């Protein structure tokens, strides 16, 4: 299995408008309109061939690790050559594997 690069990094935010002021107003990023419908609010930004995903936190406690659903936490997603092989390696190491939801 080869890791080709980072696909996206997810950042939890509690105030989406304030986050937009930073990512769009200060950094000059543009919203990617192709974000599929999710059960939580957020935005995607393209940064070269990678993305930043803003996820609106369900509480103001950004360290709250109780997952209401997979993908709501901070995370970095990698581009890999063999997803099934990576899942097998993670499970063999005793790590949890959630369905991919890019």
PDB file of N, CA and C in Angstrom:
ATOM      1  N   UNK A   1       0.833  -1.166   0.000  1.00  0.00           N
ATOM      2  CA  UNK A   1       0.000   0.000   0.000  1.00  0.00           C
ATOM      3  C   UNK A   1       0.886   1.240   0.000  1.00  0.00           C
ATOM      4  N   UNK A   2       0.537   2.198  -0.836  1.00  0.00           N
ATOM      5  CA  UNK A   2       1.275   3.441  -0.930  1.00  0.00           C
ATOM      6  C   UNK A   2       0.386   4.590  -0.482  1.00  0.00           C
ATOM      7  N   UNK A   3       0.949   5.498   0.321  1.00  0.00           N
ATOM      8  CA  UNK A   3       0.238   6.727   0.675  1.00  0.00           C
ATOM      9  C   UNK A   3       0.696   7.789  -0.315  1.00  0.00           C
ATOM     10  N   UNK A   4      -0.250   8.307  -1.097  1.00  0.00           N
ATOM     11  CA  UNK A   4       0.064   9.289  -2.134  1.00  0.00           C
ATOM     12  C   UNK A   4       0.071  10.725  -1.628  1.00  0.00           C
ATOM     13  N   UNK A   5      -0.677  10.989  -0.589  1.00  0.00           N
ATOM     14  CA  UNK A   5      -0.747  12.355  -0.076  1.00  0.00           C
ATOM     15  C   UNK A   5      -1.952  12.529   0.826  1.00  0.00           C
ATOM     16  N   UNK A   6      -2.198  13.761   1.164  1.00  0.00           N
ATOM     17  CA  UNK A   6      -3.342  14.100   2.004  1.00  0.00           C
ATOM     18  C   UNK A   6      -4.528  14.428   1.102  1.00  0.00           C
ATOM     19  N   UNK A   7      -5.668  13.849   1.401  1.00  0.00           N
ATOM     20  CA  UNK A   7      -6.896  14.166   0.669  1.00  0.00           C
ATOM     21  C   UNK A   7      -7.544  15.401   1.277  1.00  0.00           C
ATOM     22  N   UNK A   8      -7.749  15.370   2.601  1.00  0.00           N
ATOM     23  CA  UNK A   8      -8.309  16.532   3.278  1.00  0.00           C
ATOM     24  C   UNK A   8      -7.989  16.486   4.765  1.00  0.00           C
ATOM     25  N   UNK A   9      -8.091  17.647   5.369  1.00  0.00           N
ATOM     26  CA  UNK A   9      -7.988  17.769   6.821  1.00  0.00           C
ATOM     27  C   UNK A   9      -9.289  18.406   7.297  1.00  0.00           C
ATOM     28  N   UNK A  10      -9.877  17.838   8.341  1.00  0.00           N
ATOM     29  CA  UNK A  10     -11.123  18.365   8.888  1.00  0.00           C
ATOM     30  C   UNK A  10     -10.839  19.172  10.141  1.00  0.00           C
ATOM     31  N   UNK A  11     -11.494  20.317  10.213  1.00  0.00           N
ATOM     32  CA  UNK A  11     -11.320  21.243  11.325  1.00  0.00           C
ATOM     33  C   UNK A  11     -12.687  21.479  11.955  1.00  0.00           C
ATOM     34  N   UNK A  12     -12.795  21.269  13.270  1.00  0.00           N
ATOM     35  CA  UNK A  12     -14.043  21.543  13.977  1.00  0.00           C
ATOM     36  C   UNK A  12     -14.139  23.024  14.284  1.00  0.00           C
ATOM     37  N   UNK A  13     -15.317  23.596  14.061  1.00  0.00           N
ATOM     38  CA  UNK A  13     -15.567  25.003  14.372  1.00  0.00           C
ATOM     39  C   UNK A  13     -16.891  25.110  15.118  1.00  0.00           C
ATOM     40  N   UNK A  14     -17.021  26.143  15.932  1.00  0.00           N
ATOM     41  CA  UNK A  14     -18.292  26.374  16.621  1.00  0.00           C
ATOM     42  C   UNK A  14     -19.058  27.542  16.015  1.00  0.00           C
ATOM     43  N   UNK A  15     -18.368  28.393  15.261  1.00  0.00           N
ATOM     44  CA  UNK A  15     -18.997  29.556  14.645  1.00  0.00           C
ATOM     45  C   UNK A  15     -18.604  29.571  13.171  1.00  0.00           C
ATOM     46  N   UNK A  16     -19.508  29.066  12.312  1.00  0.00           N
ATOM     47  CA  UNK A  16     -19.196  28.920  10.893  1.00  0.00           C
ATOM     48  C   UNK A  16     -18.974  30.279  10.230  1.00  0.00           C
ATOM     49  N   UNK A  17     -19.730  31.280  10.603  1.00  0.00           N
ATOM     50  CA  UNK A  17     -19.544  32.603   9.993  1.00  0.00           C
ATOM     51  C   UNK A  17     -18.180  33.183  10.333  1.00  0.00           C
ATOM     52  N   UNK A  18     -17.744  33.035  11.559  1.00  0.00           N
ATOM     53  CA  UNK A  18     -16.416  33.518  11.961  1.00  0.00           C
ATOM     54  C   UNK A  18     -15.324  32.746  11.211  1.00  0.00           C
ATOM     55  N   UNK A  19     -15.517  31.422  11.082  1.00  0.00           N
ATOM     56  CA  UNK A  19     -14.555  30.603  10.342  1.00  0.00           C
ATOM     57  C   UNK A  19     -14.492  31.040   8.878  1.00  0.00           C
ATOM     58  N   UNK A  20     -15.638  31.349   8.288  1.00  0.00           N
ATOM     59  CA  UNK A  20     -15.665  31.811   6.894  1.00  0.00           C
ATOM     60  C   UNK A  20     -14.909  33.131   6.757  1.00  0.00           C
ATOM     61  N   UNK A  21     -15.070  34.012   7.732  1.00  0.00           N
ATOM     62  CA  UNK A  21     -14.337  35.274   7.700  1.00  0.00           C
ATOM     63  C   UNK A  21     -12.835  35.006   7.592  1.00  0.00           C
ATOM     64  N   UNK A  22     -12.356  33.998   8.331  1.00  0.00           N
ATOM     65  CA  UNK A  22     -10.938  33.671   8.299  1.00  0.00           C
ATOM     66  C   UNK A  22     -10.544  32.995   6.991  1.00  0.00           C
ATOM     67  N   UNK A  23     -11.203  31.865   6.657  1.00  0.00           N
ATOM     68  CA  UNK A  23     -10.788  31.068   5.496  1.00  0.00           C
ATOM     69  C   UNK A  23     -11.028  31.784   4.174  1.00  0.00           C
ATOM     70  N   UNK A  24     -12.113  32.542   4.074  1.00  0.00           N
ATOM     71  CA  UNK A  24     -12.409  33.249   2.829  1.00  0.00           C
ATOM     72  C   UNK A  24     -11.863  34.676   2.856  1.00  0.00           C
ATOM     73  N   UNK A  25     -12.134  35.396   3.942  1.00  0.00           N
ATOM     74  CA  UNK A  25     -11.763  36.800   4.006  1.00  0.00           C
ATOM     75  C   UNK A  25     -10.273  37.035   4.163  1.00  0.00           C
ATOM     76  N   UNK A  26      -9.629  36.254   5.029  1.00  0.00           N
ATOM     77  CA  UNK A  26      -8.204  36.461   5.284  1.00  0.00           C
ATOM     78  C   UNK A  26      -7.335  35.595   4.373  1.00  0.00           C
ATOM     79  N   UNK A  27      -7.654  34.300   4.275  1.00  0.00           N
ATOM     80  CA  UNK A  27      -6.838  33.400   3.448  1.00  0.00           C
ATOM     81  C   UNK A  27      -7.207  33.463   1.971  1.00  0.00           C
ATOM     82  N   UNK A  28      -8.403  33.933   1.652  1.00  0.00           N
ATOM     83  CA  UNK A  28      -8.815  34.065   0.260  1.00  0.00           C
ATOM     84  C   UNK A  28      -9.259  32.773  -0.401  1.00  0.00           C
ATOM     85  N   UNK A  29      -9.642  31.767   0.387  1.00  0.00           N
ATOM     86  CA  UNK A  29     -10.102  30.503  -0.192  1.00  0.00           C
ATOM     87  C   UNK A  29     -11.527  30.638  -0.713  1.00  0.00           C
ATOM     88  N   UNK A  30     -11.886  29.757  -1.646  1.00  0.00           N
ATOM     89  CA  UNK A  30     -13.217  29.731  -2.237  1.00  0.00           C
ATOM     90  C   UNK A  30     -13.901  28.426  -1.849  1.00  0.00           C
ATOM     91  N   UNK A  31     -15.175  28.509  -1.518  1.00  0.00           N
ATOM     92  CA  UNK A  31     -15.942  27.319  -1.141  1.00  0.00           C
ATOM     93  C   UNK A  31     -16.038  26.357  -2.317  1.00  0.00           C
ATOM     94  N   UNK A  32     -15.832  25.070  -2.057  1.00  0.00           N
ATOM     95  CA  UNK A  32     -16.059  24.022  -3.046  1.00  0.00           C
ATOM     96  C   UNK A  32     -17.553  23.684  -2.983  1.00  0.00           C
ATOM     97  N   UNK A  33     -18.313  23.929  -4.061  1.00  0.00           N
ATOM     98  CA  UNK A  33     -19.759  23.711  -4.027  1.00  0.00           C
ATOM     99  C   UNK A  33     -20.177  22.245  -4.134  1.00  0.00           C
ATOM    100  N   UNK A  34     -19.225  21.333  -4.289  1.00  0.00           N
ATOM    101  CA  UNK A  34     -19.555  19.925  -4.506  1.00  0.00           C
ATOM    102  C   UNK A  34     -19.695  19.116  -3.223  1.00  0.00           C
ATOM    103  N   UNK A  35     -19.667  19.777  -2.058  1.00  0.00           N
ATOM    104  CA  UNK A  35     -19.833  19.054  -0.791  1.00  0.00           C
ATOM    105  C   UNK A  35     -21.198  18.377  -0.790  1.00  0.00           C
ATOM    106  N   UNK A  36     -21.210  17.042  -0.615  1.00  0.00           N
ATOM    107  CA  UNK A  36     -22.496  16.340  -0.615  1.00  0.00           C
ATOM    108  C   UNK A  36     -23.285  16.673   0.646  1.00  0.00           C
ATOM    109  N   UNK A  37     -24.578  16.438   0.593  1.00  0.00           N
ATOM    110  CA  UNK A  37     -25.421  16.651   1.767  1.00  0.00           C
ATOM    111  C   UNK A  37     -24.954  15.786   2.931  1.00  0.00           C
ATOM    112  N   UNK A  38     -24.842  16.378   4.078  1.00  0.00           N
ATOM    113  CA  UNK A  38     -24.414  15.668   5.284  1.00  0.00           C
ATOM    114  C   UNK A  38     -25.441  15.925   6.382  1.00  0.00           C
ATOM    115  N   UNK A  39     -25.387  15.150   7.434  1.00  0.00           N
ATOM    116  CA  UNK A  39     -26.289  15.355   8.559  1.00  0.00           C
ATOM    117  C   UNK A  39     -25.757  16.416   9.518  1.00  0.00           C
ATOM    118  N   UNK A  40     -24.659  17.077   9.135  1.00  0.00           N
ATOM    119  CA  UNK A  40     -24.090  18.147   9.950  1.00  0.00           C
ATOM    120  C   UNK A  40     -23.669  19.281   9.028  1.00  0.00           C
ATOM    121  N   UNK A  41     -23.643  20.487   9.573  1.00  0.00           N
ATOM    122  CA  UNK A  41     -23.300  21.659   8.786  1.00  0.00           C
ATOM    123  C   UNK A  41     -21.790  21.773   8.617  1.00  0.00           C
ATOM    124  N   UNK A  42     -21.367  22.387   7.520  1.00  0.00           N
ATOM    125  CA  UNK A  42     -19.952  22.601   7.284  1.00  0.00           C
ATOM    126  C   UNK A  42     -19.701  23.091   5.872  1.00  0.00           C
ATOM    127  N   UNK A  43     -18.442  23.285   5.549  1.00  0.00           N
ATOM    128  CA  UNK A  43     -18.018  23.760   4.228  1.00  0.00           C
ATOM    129  C   UNK A  43     -16.735  23.059   3.819  1.00  0.00           C
ATOM    130  N   UNK A  44     -16.514  22.989   2.514  1.00  0.00           N
ATOM    131  CA  UNK A  44     -15.269  22.463   1.977  1.00  0.00           C
ATOM    132  C   UNK A  44     -14.559  23.560   1.209  1.00  0.00           C
ATOM    133  N   UNK A  45     -13.239  23.594   1.353  1.00  0.00           N
ATOM    134  CA  UNK A  45     -12.401  24.504   0.578  1.00  0.00           C
ATOM    135  C   UNK A  45     -11.340  23.689  -0.136  1.00  0.00           C
ATOM    136  N   UNK A  46     -11.097  24.002  -1.416  1.00  0.00           N
ATOM    137  CA  UNK A  46      -9.997  23.386  -2.148  1.00  0.00           C
ATOM    138  C   UNK A  46      -8.728  24.163  -1.864  1.00  0.00           C
ATOM    139  N   UNK A  47      -7.653  23.431  -1.594  1.00  0.00           N
ATOM    140  CA  UNK A  47      -6.327  24.023  -1.403  1.00  0.00           C
ATOM    141  C   UNK A  47      -5.397  23.193  -2.278  1.00  0.00           C
ATOM    142  N   UNK A  48      -5.164  23.654  -3.502  1.00  0.00           N
ATOM    143  CA  UNK A  48      -4.442  22.833  -4.469  1.00  0.00           C
ATOM    144  C   UNK A  48      -5.266  21.590  -4.769  1.00  0.00           C
ATOM    145  N   UNK A  49      -4.645  20.423  -4.705  1.00  0.00           N
ATOM    146  CA  UNK A  49      -5.386  19.176  -4.935  1.00  0.00           C
ATOM    147  C   UNK A  49      -5.924  18.588  -3.636  1.00  0.00           C
ATOM    148  N   UNK A  50      -5.726  19.290  -2.533  1.00  0.00           N
ATOM    149  CA  UNK A  50      -6.231  18.848  -1.240  1.00  0.00           C
ATOM    150  C   UNK A  50      -7.401  19.737  -0.823  1.00  0.00           C
ATOM    151  N   UNK A  51      -8.006  19.399   0.319  1.00  0.00           N
ATOM    152  CA  UNK A  51      -9.134  20.183   0.810  1.00  0.00           C
ATOM    153  C   UNK A  51      -9.020  20.411   2.313  1.00  0.00           C
ATOM    154  N   UNK A  52      -9.678  21.465   2.765  1.00  0.00           N
ATOM    155  CA  UNK A  52      -9.947  21.689   4.181  1.00  0.00           C
ATOM    156  C   UNK A  52     -11.452  21.549   4.341  1.00  0.00           C
ATOM    157  N   UNK A  53     -11.875  20.697   5.275  1.00  0.00           N
ATOM    158  CA  UNK A  53     -13.292  20.518   5.562  1.00  0.00           C
ATOM    159  C   UNK A  53     -13.584  21.167   6.912  1.00  0.00           C
ATOM    160  N   UNK A  54     -14.459  22.161   6.919  1.00  0.00           N
ATOM    161  CA  UNK A  54     -14.922  22.733   8.174  1.00  0.00           C
ATOM    162  C   UNK A  54     -16.148  21.952   8.612  1.00  0.00           C
ATOM    163  N   UNK A  55     -16.157  21.522   9.862  1.00  0.00           N
ATOM    164  CA  UNK A  55     -17.274  20.773  10.425  1.00  0.00           C
ATOM    165  C   UNK A  55     -17.767  21.542  11.639  1.00  0.00           C
ATOM    166  N   UNK A  56     -19.056  21.860  11.651  1.00  0.00           N
ATOM    167  CA  UNK A  56     -19.617  22.573  12.793  1.00  0.00           C
ATOM    168  C   UNK A  56     -19.773  21.586  13.942  1.00  0.00           C
ATOM    169  N   UNK A  57     -19.099  21.883  15.058  1.00  0.00           N
ATOM    170  CA  UNK A  57     -19.125  21.018  16.237  1.00  0.00           C
ATOM    171  C   UNK A  57     -20.521  21.036  16.848  1.00  0.00           C
ATOM    172  N   UNK A  58     -20.917  19.916  17.403  1.00  0.00           N
ATOM    173  CA  UNK A  58     -22.233  19.801  18.018  1.00  0.00           C
ATOM    174  C   UNK A  58     -22.280  20.431  19.405  1.00  0.00           C
ATOM    175  N   UNK A  59     -21.129  20.704  19.973  1.00  0.00           N
ATOM    176  CA  UNK A  59     -21.073  21.373  21.273  1.00  0.00           C
ATOM    177  C   UNK A  59     -19.879  22.307  21.250  1.00  0.00           C
ATOM    178  N   UNK A  60     -19.791  23.181  22.229  1.00  0.00           N
ATOM    179  CA  UNK A  60     -18.662  24.101  22.296  1.00  0.00           C
ATOM    180  C   UNK A  60     -17.426  23.432  22.887  1.00  0.00           C
ATOM    181  N   UNK A  61     -17.578  22.176  23.334  1.00  0.00           N
ATOM    182  CA  UNK A  61     -16.444  21.428  23.859  1.00  0.00           C
ATOM    183  C   UNK A  61     -15.777  20.712  22.688  1.00  0.00           C
ATOM    184  N   UNK A  62     -14.765  21.357  22.095  1.00  0.00           N
ATOM    185  CA  UNK A  62     -14.126  20.788  20.913  1.00  0.00           C
ATOM    186  C   UNK A  62     -13.314  19.537  21.221  1.00  0.00           C
ATOM    187  N   UNK A  63     -13.143  19.223  22.503  1.00  0.00           N
ATOM    188  CA  UNK A  63     -12.448  18.001  22.878  1.00  0.00           C
ATOM    189  C   UNK A  63     -13.420  16.865  23.152  1.00  0.00           C
ATOM    190  N   UNK A  64     -14.715  17.104  22.959  1.00  0.00           N
ATOM    191  CA  UNK A  64     -15.733  16.071  23.172  1.00  0.00           C
ATOM    192  C   UNK A  64     -15.511  14.967  22.153  1.00  0.00           C
ATOM    193  N   UNK A  65     -15.172  13.773  22.613  1.00  0.00           N
ATOM    194  CA  UNK A  65     -14.871  12.653  21.713  1.00  0.00           C
ATOM    195  C   UNK A  65     -16.044  11.686  21.562  1.00  0.00           C
ATOM    196  N   UNK A  66     -17.236  12.053  22.030  1.00  0.00           N
ATOM    197  CA  UNK A  66     -18.379  11.157  21.865  1.00  0.00           C
ATOM    198  C   UNK A  66     -18.908  11.304  20.440  1.00  0.00           C
ATOM    199  N   UNK A  67     -18.647  10.318  19.587  1.00  0.00           N
ATOM    200  CA  UNK A  67     -19.037  10.468  18.172  1.00  0.00           C
ATOM    201  C   UNK A  67     -20.541  10.284  17.986  1.00  0.00           C
ATOM    202  N   UNK A  68     -21.198  11.332  17.509  1.00  0.00           N
ATOM    203  CA  UNK A  68     -22.607  11.198  17.167  1.00  0.00           C
ATOM    204  C   UNK A  68     -22.738  10.407  15.880  1.00  0.00           C
ATOM    205  N   UNK A  69     -21.721  10.503  15.044  1.00  0.00           N
ATOM    206  CA  UNK A  69     -21.644   9.756  13.806  1.00  0.00           C
ATOM    207  C   UNK A  69     -20.203   9.851  13.323  1.00  0.00           C
ATOM    208  N   UNK A  70     -19.717   8.864  12.589  1.00  0.00           N
ATOM    209  CA  UNK A  70     -18.327   8.911  12.118  1.00  0.00           C
ATOM    210  C   UNK A  70     -18.077  10.140  11.245  1.00  0.00           C
ATOM    211  N   UNK A  71     -16.877  10.677  11.337  1.00  0.00           N
ATOM    212  CA  UNK A  71     -16.487  11.793  10.499  1.00  0.00           C
ATOM    213  C   UNK A  71     -16.676  13.150  11.130  1.00  0.00           C
ATOM    214  N   UNK A  72     -17.302  13.206  12.307  1.00  0.00           N
ATOM    215  CA  UNK A  72     -17.573  14.499  12.930  1.00  0.00           C
ATOM    216  C   UNK A  72     -16.363  15.000  13.722  1.00  0.00           C
ATOM    217  N   UNK A  73     -15.374  14.197  13.897  1.00  0.00           N
ATOM    218  CA  UNK A  73     -14.191  14.600  14.659  1.00  0.00           C
ATOM    219  C   UNK A  73     -13.137  15.224  13.764  1.00  0.00           C
ATOM    220  N   UNK A  74     -12.134  15.819  14.427  1.00  0.00           N
ATOM    221  CA  UNK A  74     -10.952  16.283  13.683  1.00  0.00           C
ATOM    222  C   UNK A  74     -10.285  15.054  13.069  1.00  0.00           C
ATOM    223  N   UNK A  75      -9.846  15.189  11.836  1.00  0.00           N
ATOM    224  CA  UNK A  75      -9.135  14.068  11.224  1.00  0.00           C
ATOM    225  C   UNK A  75      -8.385  14.534   9.980  1.00  0.00           C
ATOM    226  N   UNK A  76      -7.463  13.710   9.566  1.00  0.00           N
ATOM    227  CA  UNK A  76      -6.754  13.908   8.309  1.00  0.00           C
ATOM    228  C   UNK A  76      -7.006  12.658   7.471  1.00  0.00           C
ATOM    229  N   UNK A  77      -7.473  12.837   6.243  1.00  0.00           N
ATOM    230  CA  UNK A  77      -7.735  11.718   5.340  1.00  0.00           C
ATOM    231  C   UNK A  77      -6.593  11.633   4.331  1.00  0.00           C
ATOM    232  N   UNK A  78      -6.083  10.434   4.130  1.00  0.00           N
ATOM    233  CA  UNK A  78      -4.959  10.207   3.222  1.00  0.00           C
ATOM    234  C   UNK A  78      -5.427   9.573   1.918  1.00  0.00           C
ATOM    235  N   UNK A  79      -4.732   9.879   0.820  1.00  0.00           N
ATOM    236  CA  UNK A  79      -4.955   9.200  -0.454  1.00  0.00           C
ATOM    237  C   UNK A  79      -4.054   7.961  -0.442  1.00  0.00           C
ATOM    238  N   UNK A  80      -4.654   6.803  -0.632  1.00  0.00           N
ATOM    239  CA  UNK A  80      -3.877   5.562  -0.579  1.00  0.00           C
ATOM    240  C   UNK A  80      -4.146   4.721  -1.821  1.00  0.00           C
ATOM    241  N   UNK A  81      -3.220   3.815  -2.102  1.00  0.00           N
ATOM    242  CA  UNK A  81      -3.342   2.951  -3.271  1.00  0.00           C
ATOM    243  C   UNK A  81      -4.251   1.758  -3.031  1.00  0.00           C
ATOM    244  N   UNK A  82      -4.445   1.372  -1.775  1.00  0.00           N
ATOM    245  CA  UNK A  82      -5.187   0.145  -1.467  1.00  0.00           C
ATOM    246  C   UNK A  82      -5.966   0.346  -0.178  1.00  0.00           C
ATOM    247  N   UNK A  83      -7.183   0.881  -0.290  1.00  0.00           N
ATOM    248  CA  UNK A  83      -7.992   1.168   0.892  1.00  0.00           C
ATOM    249  C   UNK A  83      -8.323  -0.102   1.668  1.00  0.00           C
ATOM    250  N   UNK A  84      -8.704  -1.160   0.969  1.00  0.00           N
ATOM    251  CA  UNK A  84      -9.035  -2.419   1.641  1.00  0.00           C
ATOM    252  C   UNK A  84      -7.828  -2.958   2.405  1.00  0.00           C
ATOM    253  N   UNK A  85      -6.649  -2.867   1.796  1.00  0.00           N
ATOM    254  CA  UNK A  85      -5.434  -3.323   2.469  1.00  0.00           C
ATOM    255  C   UNK A  85      -5.135  -2.497   3.705  1.00  0.00           C
ATOM    256  N   UNK A  86      -5.344  -1.182   3.627  1.00  0.00           N
ATOM    257  CA  UNK A  86      -5.128  -0.324   4.784  1.00  0.00           C
ATOM    258  C   UNK A  86      -6.127  -0.657   5.894  1.00  0.00           C
ATOM    259  N   UNK A  87      -7.390  -0.871   5.536  1.00  0.00           N
ATOM    260  CA  UNK A  87      -8.398  -1.236   6.534  1.00  0.00           C
ATOM    261  C   UNK A  87      -7.999  -2.527   7.239  1.00  0.00           C
ATOM    262  N   UNK A  88      -7.502  -3.498   6.491  1.00  0.00           N
ATOM    263  CA  UNK A  88      -7.056  -4.763   7.081  1.00  0.00           C
ATOM    264  C   UNK A  88      -5.919  -4.515   8.063  1.00  0.00           C
ATOM    265  N   UNK A  89      -4.955  -3.674   7.688  1.00  0.00           N
ATOM    266  CA  UNK A  89      -3.819  -3.362   8.569  1.00  0.00           C
ATOM    267  C   UNK A  89      -4.280  -2.649   9.840  1.00  0.00           C
ATOM    268  N   UNK A  90      -5.215  -1.714   9.691  1.00  0.00           N
ATOM    269  CA  UNK A  90      -5.721  -0.984  10.859  1.00  0.00           C
ATOM    270  C   UNK A  90      -6.460  -1.913  11.807  1.00  0.00           C
ATOM    271  N   UNK A  91      -7.325  -2.761  11.261  1.00  0.00           N
ATOM    272  CA  UNK A  91      -8.073  -3.719  12.094  1.00  0.00           C
ATOM    273  C   UNK A  91      -7.118  -4.681  12.800  1.00  0.00           C
ATOM    274  N   UNK A  92      -6.081  -5.140  12.088  1.00  0.00           N
ATOM    275  CA  UNK A  92      -5.100  -6.055  12.686  1.00  0.00           C
ATOM    276  C   UNK A  92      -4.361  -5.382  13.845  1.00  0.00           C
ATOM    277  N   UNK A  93      -4.241  -4.066  13.779  1.00  0.00           N
ATOM    278  CA  UNK A  93      -3.580  -3.318  14.854  1.00  0.00           C
ATOM    279  C   UNK A  93      -4.558  -2.959  15.969  1.00  0.00           C
ATOM    280  N   UNK A  94      -5.819  -3.414  15.841  1.00  0.00           N
ATOM    281  CA  UNK A  94      -6.816  -3.150  16.874  1.00  0.00           C
ATOM    282  C   UNK A  94      -7.413  -1.756  16.815  1.00  0.00           C
ATOM    283  N   UNK A  95      -7.314  -1.104  15.661  1.00  0.00           N
ATOM    284  CA  UNK A  95      -7.830   0.261  15.519  1.00  0.00           C
ATOM    285  C   UNK A  95      -9.209   0.241  14.862  1.00  0.00           C
ATOM    286  N   UNK A  96     -10.087   1.168  15.229  1.00  0.00           N
ATOM    287  CA  UNK A  96     -11.422   1.188  14.631  1.00  0.00           C
ATOM    288  C   UNK A  96     -11.363   1.697  13.199  1.00  0.00           C
ATOM    289  N   UNK A  97     -12.252   1.161  12.361  1.00  0.00           N
ATOM    290  CA  UNK A  97     -12.348   1.572  10.969  1.00  0.00           C
ATOM    291  C   UNK A  97     -13.799   1.957  10.713  1.00  0.00           C
ATOM    292  N   UNK A  98     -13.990   3.188  10.218  1.00  0.00           N
ATOM    293  CA  UNK A  98     -15.329   3.668   9.900  1.00  0.00           C
ATOM    294  C   UNK A  98     -15.488   3.694   8.391  1.00  0.00           C
ATOM    295  N   UNK A  99     -16.712   3.566   7.897  1.00  0.00           N
ATOM    296  CA  UNK A  99     -16.903   3.649   6.442  1.00  0.00           C
ATOM    297  C   UNK A  99     -16.426   4.981   5.895  1.00  0.00           C
ATOM    298  N   UNK A 100     -15.865   4.958   4.715  1.00  0.00           N
ATOM    299  CA  UNK A 100     -15.422   6.173   4.058  1.00  0.00           C
ATOM    300  C   UNK A 100     -16.625   7.024   3.726  1.00  0.00           C
ATOM    301  N   UNK A 101     -16.513   8.352   3.961  1.00  0.00           N
ATOM    302  CA  UNK A 101     -17.660   9.218   3.693  1.00  0.00           C
ATOM    303  C   UNK A 101     -17.233  10.520   3.029  1.00  0.00           C
ATOM    304  N   UNK A 102     -16.123  10.511   2.303  1.00  0.00           N
ATOM    305  CA  UNK A 102     -15.648  11.750   1.655  1.00  0.00           C
ATOM    306  C   UNK A 102     -16.816  12.477   1.135  1.00  0.00           C
TER     307      UNK A 102
END
